[in-house]
Amino acid sequence: MDIDRFEKICRASRLRPEKRVQTDKGTIYVAEGYFNRHPEFDKPHYKTLWAVAKAGMDIAQPLYFEFSATLPKKEDRIAEAVKTAWQFLND
């Protein structure tokens, strides 16, 4: 996945690129944004998106974290996205 293309898609979707992790199996990209409501998740939440390129395909998956008093910290949300992407790369 091209970083410029990823960032353009993220910004158009109201997400901010947050992290890039280079691995021996590919690069993991993470972006995040806050939403009050969204068709995919009807409560206030953070949408943390991870993306990778694997076998010639760009793959992305959102993770949703409901806004609450126990909301994970930003670093924890990003770490969860990286962990999920890393598991995908290893499959």
N, C-alpha and C. Protein backbone atom coordinates (compact mmCIF):
# COMPACT_ATOMS: atom_id res chain seq x y z
N MET A 1 0.85 -1.17 0.00
CA MET A 1 0.00 0.00 0.00
C MET A 1 0.89 1.23 0.00
N ASP A 2 0.55 2.18 -0.78
CA ASP A 2 1.29 3.43 -0.88
C ASP A 2 0.87 4.36 0.26
N ILE A 3 1.84 4.89 1.00
CA ILE A 3 1.53 5.73 2.16
C ILE A 3 0.74 6.97 1.78
N ASP A 4 1.05 7.59 0.66
CA ASP A 4 0.30 8.78 0.24
C ASP A 4 -1.16 8.44 -0.04
N ARG A 5 -1.37 7.31 -0.68
CA ARG A 5 -2.75 6.87 -0.98
C ARG A 5 -3.49 6.57 0.32
N PHE A 6 -2.84 5.88 1.25
CA PHE A 6 -3.45 5.57 2.53
C PHE A 6 -3.84 6.84 3.28
N GLU A 7 -2.93 7.81 3.34
CA GLU A 7 -3.22 9.05 4.05
C GLU A 7 -4.35 9.83 3.39
N LYS A 8 -4.39 9.83 2.08
CA LYS A 8 -5.47 10.53 1.36
C LYS A 8 -6.82 9.90 1.67
N ILE A 9 -6.89 8.58 1.65
CA ILE A 9 -8.13 7.86 1.96
C ILE A 9 -8.54 8.15 3.41
N CYS A 10 -7.57 8.13 4.31
CA CYS A 10 -7.87 8.37 5.73
C CYS A 10 -8.45 9.77 5.94
N ARG A 11 -7.78 10.76 5.40
CA ARG A 11 -8.24 12.14 5.59
C ARG A 11 -9.62 12.35 4.98
N ALA A 12 -9.89 11.73 3.86
CA ALA A 12 -11.22 11.83 3.23
C ALA A 12 -12.29 11.16 4.10
N SER A 13 -11.87 10.23 4.94
CA SER A 13 -12.79 9.50 5.83
C SER A 13 -12.78 10.06 7.25
N ARG A 14 -12.19 11.23 7.44
CA ARG A 14 -12.10 11.88 8.74
C ARG A 14 -11.26 11.09 9.75
N LEU A 15 -10.26 10.40 9.24
CA LEU A 15 -9.31 9.67 10.09
C LEU A 15 -7.94 10.34 9.96
N ARG A 16 -7.17 10.28 11.02
CA ARG A 16 -5.83 10.87 11.00
C ARG A 16 -4.79 9.75 11.06
N PRO A 17 -3.87 9.72 10.10
CA PRO A 17 -2.80 8.72 10.16
C PRO A 17 -2.02 8.88 11.47
N GLU A 18 -1.79 7.75 12.15
CA GLU A 18 -1.16 7.79 13.46
C GLU A 18 0.17 7.04 13.54
N LYS A 19 0.27 5.92 12.85
CA LYS A 19 1.47 5.09 13.03
C LYS A 19 1.73 4.26 11.78
N ARG A 20 3.01 4.00 11.57
CA ARG A 20 3.46 3.13 10.50
C ARG A 20 4.50 2.19 11.10
N VAL A 21 4.31 0.88 10.91
CA VAL A 21 5.23 -0.11 11.47
C VAL A 21 5.73 -0.99 10.33
N GLN A 22 7.02 -0.96 10.10
CA GLN A 22 7.63 -1.80 9.07
C GLN A 22 7.96 -3.15 9.69
N THR A 23 7.48 -4.24 9.06
CA THR A 23 7.79 -5.58 9.52
C THR A 23 8.43 -6.34 8.36
N ASP A 24 8.91 -7.53 8.64
CA ASP A 24 9.49 -8.34 7.57
C ASP A 24 8.43 -8.88 6.62
N LYS A 25 7.16 -8.79 7.01
CA LYS A 25 6.06 -9.29 6.17
C LYS A 25 5.27 -8.18 5.49
N GLY A 26 5.64 -6.94 5.73
CA GLY A 26 4.94 -5.81 5.13
C GLY A 26 4.83 -4.66 6.12
N THR A 27 4.22 -3.59 5.66
CA THR A 27 4.06 -2.40 6.50
C THR A 27 2.64 -2.34 7.04
N ILE A 28 2.53 -2.04 8.32
CA ILE A 28 1.23 -1.86 8.97
C ILE A 28 1.00 -0.36 9.10
N TYR A 29 -0.15 0.09 8.67
CA TYR A 29 -0.54 1.49 8.80
C TYR A 29 -1.72 1.57 9.75
N VAL A 30 -1.74 2.61 10.60
CA VAL A 30 -2.84 2.80 11.54
C VAL A 30 -3.30 4.25 11.47
N ALA A 31 -4.62 4.43 11.47
CA ALA A 31 -5.23 5.77 11.49
C ALA A 31 -6.38 5.74 12.47
N GLU A 32 -6.76 6.93 12.96
CA GLU A 32 -7.82 6.97 13.96
C GLU A 32 -8.63 8.26 13.84
N GLY A 33 -9.89 8.17 14.24
CA GLY A 33 -10.75 9.34 14.29
C GLY A 33 -11.85 9.16 15.31
N TYR A 34 -12.40 10.28 15.77
CA TYR A 34 -13.51 10.25 16.73
C TYR A 34 -14.80 10.56 15.99
N PHE A 35 -15.85 9.82 16.30
CA PHE A 35 -17.15 10.02 15.68
C PHE A 35 -18.24 10.00 16.75
N ASN A 36 -19.20 10.90 16.63
CA ASN A 36 -20.35 10.86 17.53
C ASN A 36 -21.30 9.74 17.15
N ARG A 37 -21.52 9.61 15.86
CA ARG A 37 -22.38 8.54 15.33
C ARG A 37 -21.83 8.15 13.97
N HIS A 38 -22.05 6.92 13.63
CA HIS A 38 -21.61 6.43 12.33
C HIS A 38 -22.50 5.24 11.99
N PRO A 39 -22.81 5.02 10.73
CA PRO A 39 -23.68 3.88 10.40
C PRO A 39 -23.15 2.54 10.91
N GLU A 40 -21.84 2.41 11.02
CA GLU A 40 -21.26 1.15 11.46
C GLU A 40 -21.28 0.98 12.98
N PHE A 41 -21.38 2.12 13.70
CA PHE A 41 -21.34 2.08 15.16
C PHE A 41 -22.11 3.29 15.65
N ASP A 42 -23.26 3.05 16.26
CA ASP A 42 -24.24 4.11 16.51
C ASP A 42 -24.02 4.90 17.81
N LYS A 43 -22.90 4.74 18.47
CA LYS A 43 -22.62 5.47 19.71
C LYS A 43 -21.33 6.27 19.53
N PRO A 44 -21.09 7.27 20.39
CA PRO A 44 -19.81 7.98 20.31
C PRO A 44 -18.65 6.99 20.46
N HIS A 45 -17.66 7.12 19.58
CA HIS A 45 -16.59 6.13 19.56
C HIS A 45 -15.36 6.64 18.82
N TYR A 46 -14.27 5.92 19.04
CA TYR A 46 -13.07 6.07 18.22
C TYR A 46 -13.06 4.93 17.23
N LYS A 47 -12.78 5.27 15.99
CA LYS A 47 -12.60 4.26 14.94
C LYS A 47 -11.10 4.21 14.66
N THR A 48 -10.50 3.06 14.93
CA THR A 48 -9.07 2.88 14.72
C THR A 48 -8.91 1.88 13.58
N LEU A 49 -8.33 2.35 12.50
CA LEU A 49 -8.22 1.55 11.28
C LEU A 49 -6.79 1.06 11.10
N TRP A 50 -6.67 -0.24 10.83
CA TRP A 50 -5.35 -0.77 10.44
C TRP A 50 -5.43 -1.20 8.99
N ALA A 51 -4.29 -1.12 8.31
CA ALA A 51 -4.22 -1.53 6.91
C ALA A 51 -2.85 -2.13 6.63
N VAL A 52 -2.83 -3.10 5.72
CA VAL A 52 -1.57 -3.73 5.28
C VAL A 52 -1.73 -4.12 3.82
N ALA A 53 -0.62 -4.40 3.20
CA ALA A 53 -0.62 -4.98 1.86
C ALA A 53 -0.12 -6.41 2.00
N LYS A 54 -0.91 -7.36 1.51
CA LYS A 54 -0.52 -8.77 1.61
C LYS A 54 -0.93 -9.48 0.33
N ALA A 55 0.00 -10.18 -0.27
CA ALA A 55 -0.25 -10.94 -1.49
C ALA A 55 -0.86 -10.07 -2.58
N GLY A 56 -0.37 -8.84 -2.68
CA GLY A 56 -0.83 -7.95 -3.74
C GLY A 56 -2.15 -7.27 -3.49
N MET A 57 -2.75 -7.49 -2.32
CA MET A 57 -4.03 -6.85 -2.00
C MET A 57 -3.85 -5.90 -0.82
N ASP A 58 -4.56 -4.78 -0.87
CA ASP A 58 -4.59 -3.87 0.27
C ASP A 58 -5.75 -4.30 1.15
N ILE A 59 -5.46 -4.58 2.41
CA ILE A 59 -6.46 -5.05 3.36
C ILE A 59 -6.55 -4.03 4.49
N ALA A 60 -7.77 -3.70 4.89
CA ALA A 60 -7.97 -2.78 6.01
C ALA A 60 -9.15 -3.26 6.84
N GLN A 61 -9.07 -2.99 8.14
CA GLN A 61 -10.17 -3.36 9.03
C GLN A 61 -10.28 -2.31 10.13
N PRO A 62 -11.50 -1.84 10.41
CA PRO A 62 -11.67 -0.90 11.51
C PRO A 62 -11.89 -1.63 12.83
N LEU A 63 -11.44 -1.00 13.90
CA LEU A 63 -11.75 -1.43 15.25
C LEU A 63 -12.52 -0.28 15.89
N TYR A 64 -13.54 -0.59 16.67
CA TYR A 64 -14.37 0.44 17.29
C TYR A 64 -14.20 0.39 18.80
N PHE A 65 -13.99 1.56 19.39
CA PHE A 65 -13.85 1.68 20.84
C PHE A 65 -14.90 2.66 21.32
N GLU A 66 -15.90 2.17 22.03
CA GLU A 66 -16.98 3.02 22.51
C GLU A 66 -16.44 4.03 23.51
N PHE A 67 -16.89 5.29 23.33
CA PHE A 67 -16.48 6.36 24.23
C PHE A 67 -17.14 6.15 25.59
N SER A 68 -16.33 6.03 26.62
CA SER A 68 -16.84 5.83 27.98
C SER A 68 -15.74 6.20 28.97
N ALA A 69 -16.08 6.11 30.24
CA ALA A 69 -15.10 6.42 31.27
C ALA A 69 -13.93 5.44 31.26
N THR A 70 -14.16 4.24 30.74
CA THR A 70 -13.11 3.22 30.72
C THR A 70 -12.49 3.05 29.33
N LEU A 71 -12.68 4.05 28.48
CA LEU A 71 -12.12 4.00 27.13
C LEU A 71 -10.62 3.78 27.19
N PRO A 72 -10.10 2.82 26.41
CA PRO A 72 -8.64 2.64 26.39
C PRO A 72 -7.93 3.91 25.91
N LYS A 73 -6.73 4.13 26.41
CA LYS A 73 -5.93 5.27 25.99
C LYS A 73 -5.58 5.14 24.51
N LYS A 74 -5.25 6.26 23.90
CA LYS A 74 -4.91 6.28 22.48
C LYS A 74 -3.79 5.28 22.17
N GLU A 75 -2.76 5.25 23.00
CA GLU A 75 -1.65 4.33 22.75
C GLU A 75 -2.13 2.88 22.76
N ASP A 76 -3.08 2.58 23.65
CA ASP A 76 -3.61 1.21 23.75
C ASP A 76 -4.47 0.86 22.53
N ARG A 77 -5.24 1.82 22.05
CA ARG A 77 -6.06 1.57 20.85
C ARG A 77 -5.17 1.32 19.64
N ILE A 78 -4.13 2.13 19.50
CA ILE A 78 -3.21 1.95 18.38
C ILE A 78 -2.45 0.63 18.51
N ALA A 79 -2.04 0.29 19.72
CA ALA A 79 -1.35 -0.99 19.94
C ALA A 79 -2.26 -2.16 19.60
N GLU A 80 -3.53 -2.07 19.92
CA GLU A 80 -4.48 -3.14 19.58
C GLU A 80 -4.62 -3.28 18.05
N ALA A 81 -4.64 -2.15 17.35
CA ALA A 81 -4.72 -2.19 15.89
C ALA A 81 -3.46 -2.84 15.30
N VAL A 82 -2.30 -2.47 15.80
CA VAL A 82 -1.04 -3.06 15.31
C VAL A 82 -1.03 -4.56 15.60
N LYS A 83 -1.46 -4.94 16.79
CA LYS A 83 -1.50 -6.36 17.15
C LYS A 83 -2.43 -7.15 16.22
N THR A 84 -3.60 -6.59 15.94
CA THR A 84 -4.56 -7.26 15.05
C THR A 84 -4.00 -7.37 13.64
N ALA A 85 -3.37 -6.31 13.15
CA ALA A 85 -2.77 -6.34 11.82
C ALA A 85 -1.63 -7.35 11.76
N TRP A 86 -0.82 -7.40 12.81
CA TRP A 86 0.30 -8.34 12.87
C TRP A 86 -0.22 -9.78 12.83
N GLN A 87 -1.31 -10.06 13.55
CA GLN A 87 -1.91 -11.40 13.52
C GLN A 87 -2.38 -11.73 12.10
N PHE A 88 -2.97 -10.75 11.42
CA PHE A 88 -3.39 -10.95 10.04
C PHE A 88 -2.20 -11.29 9.14
N LEU A 89 -1.13 -10.54 9.28
CA LEU A 89 0.06 -10.80 8.46
C LEU A 89 0.63 -12.19 8.70
N ASN A 90 0.51 -12.69 9.90
CA ASN A 90 1.06 -14.00 10.24
C ASN A 90 0.16 -15.15 9.82
N ASP A 91 -1.08 -14.87 9.46
CA ASP A 91 -2.00 -15.95 9.01
C ASP A 91 -1.69 -16.36 7.59
